[in-house]
Amino acid sequence: MSERIENLKSAIQQKIGLARYVESTPVKEVFRGETVWEGVVETFDISLNPSVKRCYAWSYPDKGDTQYVTISATDEINSPQMAVKAYVASLMER
């Protein structure tokens, strides 16, 4: 497992629960003909948390630091693509 995936797993375990890596999915989110996000989303199964069974995660550089994004799966957020859509939508609301 790569260092990036291990770091994401650690970030998830600090916030949500015990994480087990499942897969990596390339995602490209386009809004009004423009690419607004492109990268790889990691999927983790979660245990020891009764309200979260799956989590999607990725990282990005920010002013010399690495930031971690973790999105818990829900009925509406049920894929890496939907996790990115939810994240982008939250940024647009700011």
Protein backbone atom coordinates (compact mmCIF):
# COMPACT_ATOMS: atom_id res chain seq x y z
CA MET A 1 0.00 0.00 0.00
CA SER A 2 1.35 3.43 -0.92
CA GLU A 3 2.33 6.07 1.62
CA ARG A 4 -0.52 8.27 0.35
CA ILE A 5 -3.09 5.54 1.02
CA GLU A 6 -1.57 4.83 4.45
CA ASN A 7 -1.81 8.54 5.31
CA LEU A 8 -5.44 8.67 4.19
CA LYS A 9 -6.19 5.55 6.22
CA SER A 10 -4.64 7.19 9.29
CA ALA A 11 -6.69 10.36 8.76
CA ILE A 12 -9.88 8.29 8.52
CA GLN A 13 -9.04 6.24 11.60
CA GLN A 14 -8.47 9.42 13.64
CA LYS A 15 -11.90 10.81 12.67
CA ILE A 16 -14.24 7.95 11.83
CA GLY A 17 -13.18 4.41 12.75
CA LEU A 18 -11.07 1.45 11.76
CA ALA A 19 -10.46 1.62 7.99
CA ARG A 20 -9.70 -1.10 5.43
CA TYR A 21 -8.56 -0.05 1.95
CA VAL A 22 -10.86 -1.25 -0.86
CA GLU A 23 -9.91 0.46 -4.14
CA SER A 24 -8.65 3.51 -6.00
CA THR A 25 -10.90 5.26 -8.53
CA PRO A 26 -9.89 8.04 -10.93
CA VAL A 27 -12.54 10.79 -10.93
CA LYS A 28 -12.96 13.85 -13.13
CA GLU A 29 -15.71 16.31 -12.21
CA VAL A 30 -16.83 18.72 -14.96
CA PHE A 31 -19.14 21.67 -14.30
CA ARG A 32 -20.40 23.84 -17.16
CA GLY A 33 -17.78 22.39 -19.49
CA GLU A 34 -14.86 23.09 -17.12
CA THR A 35 -12.91 20.52 -15.13
CA VAL A 36 -13.39 21.55 -11.50
CA TRP A 37 -11.72 18.54 -9.88
CA GLU A 38 -9.58 15.68 -11.12
CA GLY A 39 -7.76 13.06 -9.10
CA VAL A 40 -7.90 9.66 -7.49
CA VAL A 41 -10.40 8.85 -4.76
CA GLU A 42 -9.62 6.05 -2.33
CA THR A 43 -12.44 3.92 -0.96
CA PHE A 44 -12.27 2.41 2.53
CA ASP A 45 -14.61 0.12 4.41
CA ILE A 46 -15.15 1.28 8.00
CA SER A 47 -15.63 -0.80 11.13
CA LEU A 48 -16.07 0.08 14.81
CA ASN A 49 -18.42 2.94 13.90
CA PRO A 50 -22.10 2.01 13.84
CA SER A 51 -23.11 4.99 11.69
CA VAL A 52 -20.45 4.76 8.94
CA LYS A 53 -19.77 1.69 6.81
CA ARG A 54 -17.76 3.21 3.94
CA CYS A 55 -15.64 6.30 3.41
CA TYR A 56 -14.13 8.06 0.39
CA ALA A 57 -10.89 10.00 0.77
CA TRP A 58 -8.24 11.97 -1.08
CA SER A 59 -5.54 14.50 -0.34
CA TYR A 60 -4.28 17.71 -1.89
CA PRO A 61 -1.39 20.12 -1.28
CA ASP A 62 -2.18 23.43 0.41
CA LYS A 63 0.50 26.01 1.21
CA GLY A 64 3.18 23.37 1.72
CA ASP A 65 0.98 21.07 3.81
CA THR A 66 -1.10 18.08 2.80
CA GLN A 67 -4.83 18.37 3.44
CA TYR A 68 -7.04 15.29 3.73
CA VAL A 69 -10.65 15.09 2.62
CA THR A 70 -12.82 12.31 4.04
CA ILE A 71 -16.44 11.85 3.02
CA SER A 72 -18.61 9.28 4.75
CA ALA A 73 -20.86 7.26 2.48
CA THR A 74 -24.61 7.86 2.73
CA ASP A 75 -27.61 6.82 0.65
CA GLU A 76 -26.95 9.83 -1.62
CA ILE A 77 -23.13 9.70 -1.50
CA ASN A 78 -22.62 6.11 -2.60
CA SER A 79 -19.64 6.29 -4.96
CA PRO A 80 -16.32 8.09 -5.34
CA GLN A 81 -17.90 10.27 -8.05
CA MET A 82 -20.75 11.35 -5.75
CA ALA A 83 -18.25 12.09 -2.94
CA VAL A 84 -16.40 14.47 -5.26
CA LYS A 85 -19.68 16.09 -6.39
CA ALA A 86 -20.65 16.69 -2.75
CA TYR A 87 -17.21 18.13 -1.97
CA VAL A 88 -17.25 20.47 -5.00
CA ALA A 89 -20.78 21.59 -4.16
CA SER A 90 -19.71 22.42 -0.59
CA LEU A 91 -16.85 24.54 -1.94
CA MET A 92 -19.17 26.40 -4.30
CA GLU A 93 -21.50 27.25 -1.39
CA ARG A 94 -18.74 29.08 0.46
